[in-house]
Amino acid sequence: MIIAWVLSLLTLLSSLIVCLERMTALEVISVITAVDAGKRFIAAEKMLHECESHLTHIARLESHSCHIQSVGKQLWLISTMEHPKIEILVHLNEKTNIATRLNWRQQFE
C-alpha cells in the first residue's frame, strides 16, 4: 500500500515538472517575441525618421524603405514598406525646410 502511495506521489511530481517545463517554454517564447517586435518597431521608426529628415531631398534617400506621398499643401504622408507598417503625417515648412510630425499610426492588416 505504501509503495502505491509513493508511486502515485512520484507520478504527480513528474506531471507537475512537465507542466512547469511547458509553462517556462511558453514564457521564453513570449519574451523572445516581445523583444523581436520591439526591435522591428524601433527599426521602422528609424527608417521613418530618415525619410522625414530628408524629405526636402527625396532623390538623395539611399534606401527606398518608405512610401512618400503628398496629401495637401505642404503635408506629406510617409509610411514604411515593411512590417510593422507605421504611417506618419508631416508638415514641411516652406521657409525653413523643417519637417514637423503631426501624428502617427500603426497600420494593421
Protein backbone atom coordinates (compact mmCIF):
# COMPACT_ATOMS: atom_id res chain seq x y z
CA MET A 1 0.00 0.00 0.00
CA ILE A 2 2.81 2.37 0.87
CA ILE A 3 4.54 1.57 -2.42
CA ALA A 4 1.40 2.50 -4.39
CA TRP A 5 1.16 5.77 -2.45
CA VAL A 6 4.82 6.63 -3.14
CA LEU A 7 4.40 5.78 -6.83
CA SER A 8 1.33 8.00 -7.08
CA LEU A 9 3.28 10.86 -5.47
CA LEU A 10 6.14 10.37 -7.94
CA THR A 11 3.67 10.38 -10.83
CA LEU A 12 2.10 13.61 -9.58
CA LEU A 13 5.53 15.21 -9.17
CA SER A 14 6.60 14.19 -12.66
CA SER A 15 3.40 15.61 -14.19
CA LEU A 16 3.99 18.83 -12.22
CA ILE A 17 7.51 19.07 -13.63
CA VAL A 18 6.20 18.54 -17.17
CA CYS A 19 3.64 21.34 -16.70
CA LEU A 20 6.31 23.68 -15.31
CA GLU A 21 8.58 22.93 -18.27
CA ARG A 22 5.78 23.74 -20.72
CA MET A 23 4.92 26.99 -18.92
CA THR A 24 8.59 28.01 -18.89
CA ALA A 25 8.94 27.28 -22.61
CA LEU A 26 5.85 29.38 -23.39
CA GLU A 27 7.17 32.25 -21.27
CA VAL A 28 10.53 32.16 -23.07
CA ILE A 29 8.76 32.24 -26.45
CA SER A 30 6.64 35.16 -25.25
CA VAL A 31 9.66 37.17 -24.13
CA ILE A 32 11.56 36.49 -27.37
CA THR A 33 8.53 37.55 -29.42
CA ALA A 34 8.14 40.79 -27.46
CA VAL A 35 11.83 41.66 -27.83
CA ASP A 36 11.75 40.91 -31.57
CA ALA A 37 8.64 43.05 -32.07
CA GLY A 38 10.28 45.90 -30.17
CA LYS A 39 13.41 45.70 -32.32
CA ARG A 40 11.34 45.75 -35.52
CA PHE A 41 9.31 48.72 -34.28
CA ILE A 42 12.48 50.67 -33.48
CA ALA A 43 13.95 49.83 -36.91
CA ALA A 44 10.74 51.02 -38.61
CA GLU A 45 10.84 54.23 -36.60
CA LYS A 46 14.46 54.83 -37.65
CA MET A 47 13.50 54.36 -41.31
CA LEU A 48 10.67 56.86 -40.92
CA HIS A 49 12.95 59.35 -39.19
CA GLU A 50 15.47 59.07 -42.04
CA CYS A 51 12.76 59.68 -44.63
CA GLU A 52 11.32 62.53 -42.57
CA SER A 53 14.67 64.26 -42.14
CA HIS A 54 15.47 64.01 -45.86
CA LEU A 55 12.01 64.99 -47.06
CA THR A 56 13.28 68.08 -48.88
CA HIS A 57 15.80 65.95 -50.76
CA ILE A 58 13.74 62.90 -51.67
CA ALA A 59 16.07 61.92 -54.51
CA ARG A 60 19.01 61.67 -52.08
CA LEU A 61 17.44 58.95 -49.96
CA GLU A 62 19.70 55.91 -50.06
CA SER A 63 17.09 53.37 -49.11
CA HIS A 64 13.65 53.10 -50.61
CA SER A 65 12.14 51.74 -47.44
CA CYS A 66 9.50 54.47 -47.19
CA HIS A 67 6.49 55.36 -49.28
CA ILE A 68 6.10 59.15 -49.53
CA GLN A 69 3.04 60.88 -50.93
CA SER A 70 1.69 64.41 -50.85
CA VAL A 71 -1.71 64.81 -49.19
CA GLY A 72 -2.16 68.55 -49.35
CA LYS A 73 -0.45 71.88 -49.05
CA GLN A 74 2.94 71.08 -47.51
CA LEU A 75 1.52 67.90 -45.92
CA TRP A 76 3.23 64.60 -46.58
CA LEU A 77 2.22 61.07 -45.67
CA ILE A 78 5.22 58.82 -45.05
CA SER A 79 4.83 55.10 -44.38
CA THR A 80 7.15 52.13 -44.06
CA MET A 81 7.08 49.33 -46.58
CA GLU A 82 7.97 46.50 -44.19
CA HIS A 83 6.30 45.17 -41.07
CA PRO A 84 5.35 46.76 -38.76
CA LYS A 85 3.75 49.30 -41.05
CA ILE A 86 3.88 52.75 -39.47
CA GLU A 87 2.43 55.85 -41.09
CA ILE A 88 3.19 59.47 -40.16
CA LEU A 89 1.75 62.78 -41.29
CA VAL A 90 4.38 65.50 -41.67
CA HIS A 91 4.10 69.24 -42.29
CA LEU A 92 7.04 70.69 -44.25
CA ASN A 93 7.70 74.38 -43.61
CA GLU A 94 8.41 76.15 -46.92
CA LYS A 95 10.73 78.77 -45.46
CA THR A 96 12.87 76.72 -43.10
CA ASN A 97 12.51 73.28 -44.77
CA ILE A 98 11.88 71.77 -41.34
CA ALA A 99 9.55 68.77 -41.19
CA THR A 100 7.18 68.66 -38.22
CA ARG A 101 5.48 65.40 -37.35
CA LEU A 102 1.78 65.94 -36.79
CA ASN A 103 0.68 62.39 -35.92
CA TRP A 104 1.45 58.74 -36.46
CA ARG A 105 -0.39 55.44 -36.53
CA GLN A 106 0.34 51.78 -36.96
CA GLN A 107 -1.39 50.07 -39.85
CA PHE A 108 -2.79 46.64 -39.06
CA GLU A 109 -3.73 44.03 -41.62
